[in-house]
Amino acid sequence: MLNTGLIMYDTDTWLVLRDNPASPAAVISRITDTGGAERYLLLKWELDPAARRMVGIYTSLREAGDAVPWAKRHTPDGNGYPPGSKQRRDARQRLAEHSPTRTNDTPSAPPGGRTS
């Protein structure tokens, strides 16, 4: 199952969680434009609503949610892709294909670097 990190707050508002489960990264608000079409406003999260800043306007909830980056890790294991996503799985597979492998043919030195 794909982890979207979206929590529905009310019928027109979603909180976007990423690296800190105690604090949202962003808020998405559904509005209707002058033509009657639904739009999704993406706002950077701040506790004080007056301090929130608009990041963008999107045509779908998914598009707005995808615009909020996932936390990057210090290892190249699919950085920036949501857990469970195909992109993350593909990135891990590419990493495994290009990682050096250790063979039993190469003797290893004991701890401290001495060989006797």
PDB file of N, CA and C in Angstrom:
ATOM      1  N   MET A   1       0.837  -1.185   0.000  1.00  0.00           N
ATOM      2  CA  MET A   1       0.000   0.000   0.000  1.00  0.00           C
ATOM      3  C   MET A   1       0.880   1.247   0.000  1.00  0.00           C
ATOM      4  N   LEU A   2       0.527   2.204  -0.823  1.00  0.00           N
ATOM      5  CA  LEU A   2       1.288   3.438  -0.943  1.00  0.00           C
ATOM      6  C   LEU A   2       0.974   4.373   0.218  1.00  0.00           C
ATOM      7  N   ASN A   3       2.002   4.874   0.851  1.00  0.00           N
ATOM      8  CA  ASN A   3       1.844   5.823   1.947  1.00  0.00           C
ATOM      9  C   ASN A   3       1.840   7.229   1.357  1.00  0.00           C
ATOM     10  N   THR A   4       0.678   7.893   1.360  1.00  0.00           N
ATOM     11  CA  THR A   4       0.585   9.233   0.784  1.00  0.00           C
ATOM     12  C   THR A   4       0.938  10.312   1.791  1.00  0.00           C
ATOM     13  N   GLY A   5       0.826  10.005   3.079  1.00  0.00           N
ATOM     14  CA  GLY A   5       1.115  11.001   4.106  1.00  0.00           C
ATOM     15  C   GLY A   5       0.025  12.047   4.257  1.00  0.00           C
ATOM     16  N   LEU A   6      -1.168  11.808   3.672  1.00  0.00           N
ATOM     17  CA  LEU A   6      -2.277  12.765   3.761  1.00  0.00           C
ATOM     18  C   LEU A   6      -3.265  12.330   4.835  1.00  0.00           C
ATOM     19  N   ILE A   7      -3.681  13.291   5.643  1.00  0.00           N
ATOM     20  CA  ILE A   7      -4.707  13.054   6.652  1.00  0.00           C
ATOM     21  C   ILE A   7      -5.829  14.051   6.403  1.00  0.00           C
ATOM     22  N   MET A   8      -7.046  13.540   6.213  1.00  0.00           N
ATOM     23  CA  MET A   8      -8.183  14.433   5.976  1.00  0.00           C
ATOM     24  C   MET A   8      -8.584  15.076   7.296  1.00  0.00           C
ATOM     25  N   TYR A   9      -8.532  16.403   7.328  1.00  0.00           N
ATOM     26  CA  TYR A   9      -8.884  17.168   8.529  1.00  0.00           C
ATOM     27  C   TYR A   9     -10.377  17.482   8.535  1.00  0.00           C
ATOM     28  N   ASP A  10     -10.880  17.922   7.389  1.00  0.00           N
ATOM     29  CA  ASP A  10     -12.315  18.113   7.186  1.00  0.00           C
ATOM     30  C   ASP A  10     -12.593  17.872   5.707  1.00  0.00           C
ATOM     31  N   THR A  11     -13.808  18.148   5.238  1.00  0.00           N
ATOM     32  CA  THR A  11     -14.163  17.801   3.859  1.00  0.00           C
ATOM     33  C   THR A  11     -13.326  18.513   2.808  1.00  0.00           C
ATOM     34  N   ASP A  12     -12.720  19.640   3.136  1.00  0.00           N
ATOM     35  CA  ASP A  12     -11.945  20.401   2.162  1.00  0.00           C
ATOM     36  C   ASP A  12     -10.510  20.684   2.591  1.00  0.00           C
ATOM     37  N   THR A  13     -10.019  19.991   3.616  1.00  0.00           N
ATOM     38  CA  THR A  13      -8.674  20.269   4.136  1.00  0.00           C
ATOM     39  C   THR A  13      -7.946  18.966   4.448  1.00  0.00           C
ATOM     40  N   TRP A  14      -6.689  18.889   4.010  1.00  0.00           N
ATOM     41  CA  TRP A  14      -5.833  17.738   4.300  1.00  0.00           C
ATOM     42  C   TRP A  14      -4.532  18.236   4.901  1.00  0.00           C
ATOM     43  N   LEU A  15      -4.018  17.494   5.866  1.00  0.00           N
ATOM     44  CA  LEU A  15      -2.705  17.762   6.442  1.00  0.00           C
ATOM     45  C   LEU A  15      -1.731  16.791   5.791  1.00  0.00           C
ATOM     46  N   VAL A  16      -0.555  17.289   5.433  1.00  0.00           N
ATOM     47  CA  VAL A  16       0.460  16.465   4.779  1.00  0.00           C
ATOM     48  C   VAL A  16       1.571  16.187   5.778  1.00  0.00           C
ATOM     49  N   LEU A  17       1.741  14.909   6.128  1.00  0.00           N
ATOM     50  CA  LEU A  17       2.804  14.511   7.053  1.00  0.00           C
ATOM     51  C   LEU A  17       3.971  13.953   6.253  1.00  0.00           C
ATOM     52  N   ARG A  18       5.170  14.272   6.694  1.00  0.00           N
ATOM     53  CA  ARG A  18       6.361  13.729   6.047  1.00  0.00           C
ATOM     54  C   ARG A  18       7.301  13.178   7.113  1.00  0.00           C
ATOM     55  N   ASP A  19       8.401  13.858   7.425  1.00  0.00           N
ATOM     56  CA  ASP A  19       9.412  13.307   8.327  1.00  0.00           C
ATOM     57  C   ASP A  19       9.061  13.425   9.803  1.00  0.00           C
ATOM     58  N   ASN A  20       8.228  14.369  10.196  1.00  0.00           N
ATOM     59  CA  ASN A  20       7.878  14.551  11.603  1.00  0.00           C
ATOM     60  C   ASN A  20       6.394  14.229  11.800  1.00  0.00           C
ATOM     61  N   PRO A  21       6.073  13.066  12.378  1.00  0.00           N
ATOM     62  CA  PRO A  21       4.660  12.704  12.532  1.00  0.00           C
ATOM     63  C   PRO A  21       3.890  13.590  13.509  1.00  0.00           C
ATOM     64  N   ALA A  22       4.593  14.405  14.284  1.00  0.00           N
ATOM     65  CA  ALA A  22       3.934  15.280  15.254  1.00  0.00           C
ATOM     66  C   ALA A  22       3.571  16.639  14.669  1.00  0.00           C
ATOM     67  N   SER A  23       4.094  16.954  13.486  1.00  0.00           N
ATOM     68  CA  SER A  23       3.844  18.264  12.895  1.00  0.00           C
ATOM     69  C   SER A  23       3.700  18.135  11.379  1.00  0.00           C
ATOM     70  N   PRO A  24       2.623  18.670  10.806  1.00  0.00           N
ATOM     71  CA  PRO A  24       2.458  18.589   9.352  1.00  0.00           C
ATOM     72  C   PRO A  24       3.556  19.352   8.612  1.00  0.00           C
ATOM     73  N   ALA A  25       3.829  18.925   7.394  1.00  0.00           N
ATOM     74  CA  ALA A  25       4.763  19.642   6.528  1.00  0.00           C
ATOM     75  C   ALA A  25       4.006  20.693   5.713  1.00  0.00           C
ATOM     76  N   ALA A  26       2.723  20.409   5.429  1.00  0.00           N
ATOM     77  CA  ALA A  26       1.934  21.311   4.592  1.00  0.00           C
ATOM     78  C   ALA A  26       0.446  21.083   4.847  1.00  0.00           C
ATOM     79  N   VAL A  27      -0.352  22.000   4.311  1.00  0.00           N
ATOM     80  CA  VAL A  27      -1.811  21.913   4.362  1.00  0.00           C
ATOM     81  C   VAL A  27      -2.318  22.062   2.935  1.00  0.00           C
ATOM     82  N   ILE A  28      -3.292  21.247   2.573  1.00  0.00           N
ATOM     83  CA  ILE A  28      -3.924  21.363   1.256  1.00  0.00           C
ATOM     84  C   ILE A  28      -5.382  21.731   1.478  1.00  0.00           C
ATOM     85  N   SER A  29      -5.826  22.809   0.817  1.00  0.00           N
ATOM     86  CA  SER A  29      -7.219  23.257   0.921  1.00  0.00           C
ATOM     87  C   SER A  29      -7.882  23.171  -0.445  1.00  0.00           C
ATOM     88  N   ARG A  30      -9.059  22.540  -0.492  1.00  0.00           N
ATOM     89  CA  ARG A  30      -9.811  22.461  -1.745  1.00  0.00           C
ATOM     90  C   ARG A  30     -10.687  23.702  -1.858  1.00  0.00           C
ATOM     91  N   ILE A  31     -10.606  24.348  -3.011  1.00  0.00           N
ATOM     92  CA  ILE A  31     -11.429  25.525  -3.286  1.00  0.00           C
ATOM     93  C   ILE A  31     -12.070  25.351  -4.658  1.00  0.00           C
ATOM     94  N   THR A  32     -12.985  26.231  -5.000  1.00  0.00           N
ATOM     95  CA  THR A  32     -13.588  26.246  -6.328  1.00  0.00           C
ATOM     96  C   THR A  32     -13.214  27.557  -6.996  1.00  0.00           C
ATOM     97  N   ASP A  33     -12.669  27.472  -8.215  1.00  0.00           N
ATOM     98  CA  ASP A  33     -12.274  28.703  -8.905  1.00  0.00           C
ATOM     99  C   ASP A  33     -13.497  29.363  -9.546  1.00  0.00           C
ATOM    100  N   THR A  34     -13.296  30.501 -10.202  1.00  0.00           N
ATOM    101  CA  THR A  34     -14.415  31.261 -10.774  1.00  0.00           C
ATOM    102  C   THR A  34     -15.133  30.504 -11.885  1.00  0.00           C
ATOM    103  N   GLY A  35     -14.461  29.532 -12.485  1.00  0.00           N
ATOM    104  CA  GLY A  35     -15.091  28.721 -13.528  1.00  0.00           C
ATOM    105  C   GLY A  35     -15.829  27.513 -12.986  1.00  0.00           C
ATOM    106  N   GLY A  36     -15.783  27.309 -11.671  1.00  0.00           N
ATOM    107  CA  GLY A  36     -16.473  26.193 -11.042  1.00  0.00           C
ATOM    108  C   GLY A  36     -15.630  24.932 -10.896  1.00  0.00           C
ATOM    109  N   ALA A  37     -14.364  25.001 -11.294  1.00  0.00           N
ATOM    110  CA  ALA A  37     -13.488  23.827 -11.195  1.00  0.00           C
ATOM    111  C   ALA A  37     -12.826  23.762  -9.818  1.00  0.00           C
ATOM    112  N   GLU A  38     -12.624  22.533  -9.345  1.00  0.00           N
ATOM    113  CA  GLU A  38     -11.926  22.352  -8.067  1.00  0.00           C
ATOM    114  C   GLU A  38     -10.439  22.630  -8.249  1.00  0.00           C
ATOM    115  N   ARG A  39      -9.875  23.292  -7.271  1.00  0.00           N
ATOM    116  CA  ARG A  39      -8.434  23.557  -7.231  1.00  0.00           C
ATOM    117  C   ARG A  39      -7.961  23.231  -5.823  1.00  0.00           C
ATOM    118  N   TYR A  40      -6.683  22.925  -5.713  1.00  0.00           N
ATOM    119  CA  TYR A  40      -6.097  22.547  -4.428  1.00  0.00           C
ATOM    120  C   TYR A  40      -4.942  23.484  -4.119  1.00  0.00           C
ATOM    121  N   LEU A  41      -5.104  24.271  -3.056  1.00  0.00           N
ATOM    122  CA  LEU A  41      -4.059  25.201  -2.629  1.00  0.00           C
ATOM    123  C   LEU A  41      -3.114  24.469  -1.690  1.00  0.00           C
ATOM    124  N   LEU A  42      -1.832  24.541  -1.998  1.00  0.00           N
ATOM    125  CA  LEU A  42      -0.820  23.924  -1.148  1.00  0.00           C
ATOM    126  C   LEU A  42      -0.145  25.027  -0.348  1.00  0.00           C
ATOM    127  N   LEU A  43      -0.216  24.914   0.985  1.00  0.00           N
ATOM    128  CA  LEU A  43       0.353  25.913   1.887  1.00  0.00           C
ATOM    129  C   LEU A  43       1.423  25.278   2.760  1.00  0.00           C
ATOM    130  N   LYS A  44       2.538  25.979   2.939  1.00  0.00           N
ATOM    131  CA  LYS A  44       3.574  25.522   3.865  1.00  0.00           C
ATOM    132  C   LYS A  44       2.998  25.626   5.273  1.00  0.00           C
ATOM    133  N   TRP A  45       3.171  24.576   6.064  1.00  0.00           N
ATOM    134  CA  TRP A  45       2.607  24.534   7.404  1.00  0.00           C
ATOM    135  C   TRP A  45       3.318  25.478   8.358  1.00  0.00           C
ATOM    136  N   GLU A  46       2.543  26.225   9.096  1.00  0.00           N
ATOM    137  CA  GLU A  46       2.978  27.013  10.256  1.00  0.00           C
ATOM    138  C   GLU A  46       1.852  26.905  11.269  1.00  0.00           C
ATOM    139  N   LEU A  47       2.192  26.870  12.537  1.00  0.00           N
ATOM    140  CA  LEU A  47       1.170  26.771  13.575  1.00  0.00           C
ATOM    141  C   LEU A  47       0.220  27.967  13.520  1.00  0.00           C
ATOM    142  N   ASP A  48       0.772  29.146  13.305  1.00  0.00           N
ATOM    143  CA  ASP A  48      -0.031  30.361  13.169  1.00  0.00           C
ATOM    144  C   ASP A  48      -0.549  30.437  11.728  1.00  0.00           C
ATOM    145  N   PRO A  49      -1.860  30.337  11.501  1.00  0.00           N
ATOM    146  CA  PRO A  49      -2.389  30.365  10.138  1.00  0.00           C
ATOM    147  C   PRO A  49      -1.971  31.600   9.335  1.00  0.00           C
ATOM    148  N   ALA A  50      -1.768  32.728   9.996  1.00  0.00           N
ATOM    149  CA  ALA A  50      -1.358  33.945   9.288  1.00  0.00           C
ATOM    150  C   ALA A  50       0.062  33.834   8.739  1.00  0.00           C
ATOM    151  N   ALA A  51       0.854  32.927   9.281  1.00  0.00           N
ATOM    152  CA  ALA A  51       2.243  32.765   8.835  1.00  0.00           C
ATOM    153  C   ALA A  51       2.384  31.743   7.706  1.00  0.00           C
ATOM    154  N   ARG A  52       1.314  31.037   7.350  1.00  0.00           N
ATOM    155  CA  ARG A  52       1.377  30.048   6.264  1.00  0.00           C
ATOM    156  C   ARG A  52       1.532  30.751   4.924  1.00  0.00           C
ATOM    157  N   ARG A  53       2.309  30.143   4.039  1.00  0.00           N
ATOM    158  CA  ARG A  53       2.558  30.724   2.719  1.00  0.00           C
ATOM    159  C   ARG A  53       2.162  29.735   1.633  1.00  0.00           C
ATOM    160  N   MET A  54       1.536  30.257   0.567  1.00  0.00           N
ATOM    161  CA  MET A  54       1.107  29.404  -0.530  1.00  0.00           C
ATOM    162  C   MET A  54       2.316  28.927  -1.332  1.00  0.00           C
ATOM    163  N   VAL A  55       2.330  27.628  -1.628  1.00  0.00           N
ATOM    164  CA  VAL A  55       3.393  27.034  -2.423  1.00  0.00           C
ATOM    165  C   VAL A  55       2.932  26.880  -3.866  1.00  0.00           C
ATOM    166  N   GLY A  56       1.656  26.544  -4.059  1.00  0.00           N
ATOM    167  CA  GLY A  56       1.161  26.364  -5.418  1.00  0.00           C
ATOM    168  C   GLY A  56      -0.318  26.052  -5.445  1.00  0.00           C
ATOM    169  N   ILE A  57      -0.876  26.067  -6.660  1.00  0.00           N
ATOM    170  CA  ILE A  57      -2.268  25.716  -6.903  1.00  0.00           C
ATOM    171  C   ILE A  57      -2.256  24.540  -7.872  1.00  0.00           C
ATOM    172  N   TYR A  58      -2.976  23.472  -7.532  1.00  0.00           N
ATOM    173  CA  TYR A  58      -2.943  22.248  -8.326  1.00  0.00           C
ATOM    174  C   TYR A  58      -4.351  21.828  -8.719  1.00  0.00           C
ATOM    175  N   THR A  59      -4.444  21.001  -9.762  1.00  0.00           N
ATOM    176  CA  THR A  59      -5.748  20.562 -10.258  1.00  0.00           C
ATOM    177  C   THR A  59      -6.239  19.280  -9.597  1.00  0.00           C
ATOM    178  N   SER A  60      -5.379  18.602  -8.830  1.00  0.00           N
ATOM    179  CA  SER A  60      -5.817  17.388  -8.133  1.00  0.00           C
ATOM    180  C   SER A  60      -5.161  17.310  -6.758  1.00  0.00           C
ATOM    181  N   LEU A  61      -5.809  16.578  -5.879  1.00  0.00           N
ATOM    182  CA  LEU A  61      -5.263  16.377  -4.539  1.00  0.00           C
ATOM    183  C   LEU A  61      -3.941  15.618  -4.619  1.00  0.00           C
ATOM    184  N   ARG A  62      -3.895  14.617  -5.470  1.00  0.00           N
ATOM    185  CA  ARG A  62      -2.659  13.831  -5.621  1.00  0.00           C
ATOM    186  C   ARG A  62      -1.499  14.705  -6.093  1.00  0.00           C
ATOM    187  N   GLU A  63      -1.758  15.556  -7.071  1.00  0.00           N
ATOM    188  CA  GLU A  63      -0.715  16.445  -7.590  1.00  0.00           C
ATOM    189  C   GLU A  63      -0.199  17.371  -6.481  1.00  0.00           C
ATOM    190  N   ALA A  64      -1.100  17.899  -5.674  1.00  0.00           N
ATOM    191  CA  ALA A  64      -0.695  18.772  -4.566  1.00  0.00           C
ATOM    192  C   ALA A  64       0.116  17.994  -3.536  1.00  0.00           C
ATOM    193  N   GLY A  65      -0.336  16.790  -3.184  1.00  0.00           N
ATOM    194  CA  GLY A  65       0.392  15.965  -2.219  1.00  0.00           C
ATOM    195  C   GLY A  65       1.767  15.565  -2.717  1.00  0.00           C
ATOM    196  N   ASP A  66       1.869  15.248  -4.016  1.00  0.00           N
ATOM    197  CA  ASP A  66       3.158  14.859  -4.600  1.00  0.00           C
ATOM    198  C   ASP A  66       4.150  16.015  -4.638  1.00  0.00           C
ATOM    199  N   ALA A  67       3.662  17.249  -4.555  1.00  0.00           N
ATOM    200  CA  ALA A  67       4.548  18.421  -4.597  1.00  0.00           C
ATOM    201  C   ALA A  67       5.285  18.646  -3.277  1.00  0.00           C
ATOM    202  N   VAL A  68       4.860  17.962  -2.215  1.00  0.00           N
ATOM    203  CA  VAL A  68       5.528  18.092  -0.910  1.00  0.00           C
ATOM    204  C   VAL A  68       6.613  17.024  -0.839  1.00  0.00           C
ATOM    205  N   PRO A  69       7.884  17.415  -0.757  1.00  0.00           N
ATOM    206  CA  PRO A  69       8.962  16.415  -0.788  1.00  0.00           C
ATOM    207  C   PRO A  69       9.011  15.561   0.471  1.00  0.00           C
ATOM    208  N   TRP A  70       9.468  14.341   0.303  1.00  0.00           N
ATOM    209  CA  TRP A  70       9.737  13.448   1.427  1.00  0.00           C
ATOM    210  C   TRP A  70      11.130  13.753   1.926  1.00  0.00           C
ATOM    211  N   ALA A  71      11.380  13.470   3.180  1.00  0.00           N
ATOM    212  CA  ALA A  71      12.698  13.714   3.768  1.00  0.00           C
ATOM    213  C   ALA A  71      13.745  12.879   3.051  1.00  0.00           C
ATOM    214  N   LYS A  72      14.894  13.482   2.822  1.00  0.00           N
ATOM    215  CA  LYS A  72      15.997  12.753   2.207  1.00  0.00           C
ATOM    216  C   LYS A  72      16.834  12.126   3.305  1.00  0.00           C
ATOM    217  N   ARG A  73      17.286  10.930   3.033  1.00  0.00           N
ATOM    218  CA  ARG A  73      18.123  10.233   4.003  1.00  0.00           C
ATOM    219  C   ARG A  73      19.578  10.416   3.626  1.00  0.00           C
ATOM    220  N   HIS A  74      20.443  10.002   4.512  1.00  0.00           N
ATOM    221  CA  HIS A  74      21.876  10.144   4.262  1.00  0.00           C
ATOM    222  C   HIS A  74      22.427   9.022   3.400  1.00  0.00           C
ATOM    223  N   THR A  75      21.617   8.034   3.101  1.00  0.00           N
ATOM    224  CA  THR A  75      22.058   6.951   2.235  1.00  0.00           C
ATOM    225  C   THR A  75      21.205   6.948   0.978  1.00  0.00           C
ATOM    226  N   PRO A  76      21.769   6.547  -0.147  1.00  0.00           N
ATOM    227  CA  PRO A  76      21.007   6.566  -1.406  1.00  0.00           C
ATOM    228  C   PRO A  76      20.070   5.365  -1.521  1.00  0.00           C
ATOM    229  N   ASP A  77      18.977   5.381  -0.774  1.00  0.00           N
ATOM    230  CA  ASP A  77      18.062   4.238  -0.768  1.00  0.00           C
ATOM    231  C   ASP A  77      16.699   4.576  -1.357  1.00  0.00           C
ATOM    232  N   GLY A  78      16.649   5.482  -2.308  1.00  0.00           N
ATOM    233  CA  GLY A  78      15.369   5.887  -2.872  1.00  0.00           C
ATOM    234  C   GLY A  78      14.971   7.249  -2.355  1.00  0.00           C
ATOM    235  N   ASN A  79      15.945   8.095  -2.091  1.00  0.00           N
ATOM    236  CA  ASN A  79      15.720   9.416  -1.500  1.00  0.00           C
ATOM    237  C   ASN A  79      14.572  10.173  -2.145  1.00  0.00           C
ATOM    238  N   GLY A  80      13.732  10.704  -1.299  1.00  0.00           N
ATOM    239  CA  GLY A  80      12.682  11.591  -1.768  1.00  0.00           C
ATOM    240  C   GLY A  80      11.439  10.891  -2.281  1.00  0.00           C
ATOM    241  N   TYR A  81      11.457   9.555  -2.386  1.00  0.00           N
ATOM    242  CA  TYR A  81      10.277   8.838  -2.858  1.00  0.00           C
ATOM    243  C   TYR A  81       9.492   8.313  -1.663  1.00  0.00           C
ATOM    244  N   PRO A  82       8.160   8.337  -1.730  1.00  0.00           N
ATOM    245  CA  PRO A  82       7.368   7.878  -0.592  1.00  0.00           C
ATOM    246  C   PRO A  82       7.536   6.383  -0.354  1.00  0.00           C
ATOM    247  N   PRO A  83       7.463   5.952   0.893  1.00  0.00           N
ATOM    248  CA  PRO A  83       7.553   4.527   1.201  1.00  0.00           C
ATOM    249  C   PRO A  83       6.480   3.744   0.449  1.00  0.00           C
ATOM    250  N   GLY A  84       6.870   2.612  -0.117  1.00  0.00           N
ATOM    251  CA  GLY A  84       5.932   1.768  -0.846  1.00  0.00           C
ATOM    252  C   GLY A  84       5.744   2.142  -2.300  1.00  0.00           C
ATOM    253  N   SER A  85       6.375   3.235  -2.765  1.00  0.00           N
ATOM    254  CA  SER A  85       6.181   3.661  -4.147  1.00  0.00           C
ATOM    255  C   SER A  85       7.076   2.876  -5.103  1.00  0.00           C
ATOM    256  N   LYS A  86       6.650   2.792  -6.351  1.00  0.00           N
ATOM    257  CA  LYS A  86       7.426   2.114  -7.389  1.00  0.00           C
ATOM    258  C   LYS A  86       8.767   2.817  -7.582  1.00  0.00           C
ATOM    259  N   GLN A  87       8.785   4.157  -7.530  1.00  0.00           N
ATOM    260  CA  GLN A  87      10.033   4.896  -7.710  1.00  0.00           C
ATOM    261  C   GLN A  87      11.048   4.534  -6.635  1.00  0.00           C
ATOM    262  N   ARG A  88      10.606   4.382  -5.403  1.00  0.00           N
ATOM    263  CA  ARG A  88      11.522   4.032  -4.312  1.00  0.00           C
ATOM    264  C   ARG A  88      12.066   2.616  -4.513  1.00  0.00           C
ATOM    265  N   ARG A  89      11.180   1.698  -4.902  1.00  0.00           N
ATOM    266  CA  ARG A  89      11.594   0.316  -5.153  1.00  0.00           C
ATOM    267  C   ARG A  89      12.604   0.267  -6.300  1.00  0.00           C
ATOM    268  N   ASP A  90      12.332   1.013  -7.382  1.00  0.00           N
ATOM    269  CA  ASP A  90      13.251   1.053  -8.525  1.00  0.00           C
ATOM    270  C   ASP A  90      14.599   1.643  -8.132  1.00  0.00           C
ATOM    271  N   ALA A  91      14.591   2.688  -7.310  1.00  0.00           N
ATOM    272  CA  ALA A  91      15.852   3.312  -6.876  1.00  0.00           C
ATOM    273  C   ALA A  91      16.670   2.335  -6.040  1.00  0.00           C
ATOM    274  N   ARG A  92      16.010   1.587  -5.175  1.00  0.00           N
ATOM    275  CA  ARG A  92      16.734   0.590  -4.368  1.00  0.00           C
ATOM    276  C   ARG A  92      17.314  -0.508  -5.242  1.00  0.00           C
ATOM    277  N   GLN A  93      16.562  -0.908  -6.267  1.00  0.00           N
ATOM    278  CA  GLN A  93      17.053  -1.947  -7.168  1.00  0.00           C
ATOM    279  C   GLN A  93      18.274  -1.442  -7.937  1.00  0.00           C
ATOM    280  N   ARG A  94      18.223  -0.202  -8.431  1.00  0.00           N
ATOM    281  CA  ARG A  94      19.383   0.371  -9.138  1.00  0.00           C
ATOM    282  C   ARG A  94      20.594   0.435  -8.222  1.00  0.00           C
ATOM    283  N   LEU A  95      20.381   0.809  -6.972  1.00  0.00           N
ATOM    284  CA  LEU A  95      21.478   0.880  -6.012  1.00  0.00           C
ATOM    285  C   LEU A  95      22.094  -0.499  -5.804  1.00  0.00           C
ATOM    286  N   ALA A  96      21.254  -1.518  -5.658  1.00  0.00           N
ATOM    287  CA  ALA A  96      21.759  -2.876  -5.445  1.00  0.00           C
ATOM    288  C   ALA A  96      22.548  -3.371  -6.652  1.00  0.00           C
ATOM    289  N   GLU A  97      22.107  -3.002  -7.852  1.00  0.00           N
ATOM    290  CA  GLU A  97      22.798  -3.433  -9.071  1.00  0.00           C
ATOM    291  C   GLU A  97      24.170  -2.792  -9.211  1.00  0.00           C
ATOM    292  N   HIS A  98      24.348  -1.594  -8.675  1.00  0.00           N
ATOM    293  CA  HIS A  98      25.604  -0.862  -8.848  1.00  0.00           C
ATOM    294  C   HIS A  98      26.493  -0.859  -7.616  1.00  0.00           C
ATOM    295  N   SER A  99      26.077  -1.534  -6.566  1.00  0.00           N
ATOM    296  CA  SER A  99      26.886  -1.589  -5.347  1.00  0.00           C
ATOM    297  C   SER A  99      27.987  -2.623  -5.516  1.00  0.00           C
ATOM    298  N   PRO A 100      29.187  -2.315  -5.013  1.00  0.00           N
ATOM    299  CA  PRO A 100      30.256  -3.314  -5.089  1.00  0.00           C
ATOM    300  C   PRO A 100      29.902  -4.505  -4.202  1.00  0.00           C
ATOM    301  N   THR A 101      30.229  -5.680  -4.683  1.00  0.00           N
ATOM    302  CA  THR A 101      29.966  -6.880  -3.896  1.00  0.00           C
ATOM    303  C   THR A 101      31.278  -7.449  -3.397  1.00  0.00           C
ATOM    304  N   ARG A 102      31.231  -8.047  -2.254  1.00  0.00           N
ATOM    305  CA  ARG A 102      32.432  -8.629  -1.654  1.00  0.00           C
ATOM    306  C   ARG A 102      32.495 -10.105  -2.044  1.00  0.00           C
ATOM    307  N   THR A 103      33.660 -10.557  -2.446  1.00  0.00           N
ATOM    308  CA  THR A 103      33.829 -11.964  -2.793  1.00  0.00           C
ATOM    309  C   THR A 103      34.685 -12.640  -1.745  1.00  0.00           C
ATOM    310  N   ASN A 104      34.584 -13.946  -1.664  1.00  0.00           N
ATOM    311  CA  ASN A 104      35.386 -14.704  -0.712  1.00  0.00           C
ATOM    312  C   ASN A 104      36.827 -14.866  -1.182  1.00  0.00           C
ATOM    313  N   ASP A 105      37.129 -14.475  -2.436  1.00  0.00           N
ATOM    314  CA  ASP A 105      38.483 -14.595  -2.971  1.00  0.00           C
ATOM    315  C   ASP A 105      39.425 -13.568  -2.365  1.00  0.00           C
ATOM    316  N   THR A 106      38.896 -12.479  -1.856  1.00  0.00           N
ATOM    317  CA  THR A 106      39.730 -11.404  -1.336  1.00  0.00           C
ATOM    318  C   THR A 106      39.909 -11.580   0.160  1.00  0.00           C
ATOM    319  N   PRO A 107      41.163 -11.799   0.613  1.00  0.00           N
ATOM    320  CA  PRO A 107      41.357 -11.933   2.059  1.00  0.00           C
ATOM    321  C   PRO A 107      41.114 -10.602   2.750  1.00  0.00           C
ATOM    322  N   SER A 108      40.549 -10.664   3.920  1.00  0.00           N
ATOM    323  CA  SER A 108      40.323  -9.432   4.666  1.00  0.00           C
ATOM    324  C   SER A 108      41.264  -9.394   5.855  1.00  0.00           C
ATOM    325  N   ALA A 109      41.714  -8.206   6.186  1.00  0.00           N
ATOM    326  CA  ALA A 109      42.618  -8.027   7.320  1.00  0.00           C
ATOM    327  C   ALA A 109      41.805  -8.046   8.600  1.00  0.00           C
ATOM    328  N   PRO A 110      42.357  -8.600   9.665  1.00  0.00           N
ATOM    329  CA  PRO A 110      41.647  -8.571  10.941  1.00  0.00           C
ATOM    330  C   PRO A 110      41.588  -7.156  11.489  1.00  0.00           C
ATOM    331  N   PRO A 111      40.756  -6.904  12.491  1.00  0.00           N
ATOM    332  CA  PRO A 111      40.681  -5.567  13.080  1.00  0.00           C
ATOM    333  C   PRO A 111      42.062  -5.084  13.502  1.00  0.00           C
ATOM    334  N   GLY A 112      42.376  -3.864  13.213  1.00  0.00           N
ATOM    335  CA  GLY A 112      43.678  -3.284  13.545  1.00  0.00           C
ATOM    336  C   GLY A 112      44.637  -3.339  12.372  1.00  0.00           C
ATOM    337  N   GLY A 113      44.297  -4.086  11.322  1.00  0.00           N
ATOM    338  CA  GLY A 113      45.089  -4.096  10.105  1.00  0.00           C
ATOM    339  C   GLY A 113      46.283  -5.029  10.115  1.00  0.00           C
ATOM    340  N   ARG A 114      46.526  -5.770  11.157  1.00  0.00           N
ATOM    341  CA  ARG A 114      47.684  -6.680  11.203  1.00  0.00           C
ATOM    342  C   ARG A 114      47.302  -8.042  10.640  1.00  0.00           C
ATOM    343  N   THR A 115      48.239  -8.635   9.953  1.00  0.00           N
ATOM    344  CA  THR A 115      47.998  -9.960   9.383  1.00  0.00           C
ATOM    345  C   THR A 115      48.868 -11.023  10.027  1.00  0.00           C
ATOM    346  N   SER A 116      49.574 -10.774  11.066  1.00  0.00           N
ATOM    347  CA  SER A 116      50.388 -11.629  11.928  1.00  0.00           C
ATOM    348  C   SER A 116      51.840 -11.458  11.777  1.00  0.00           C
TER     349      SER A 116
END
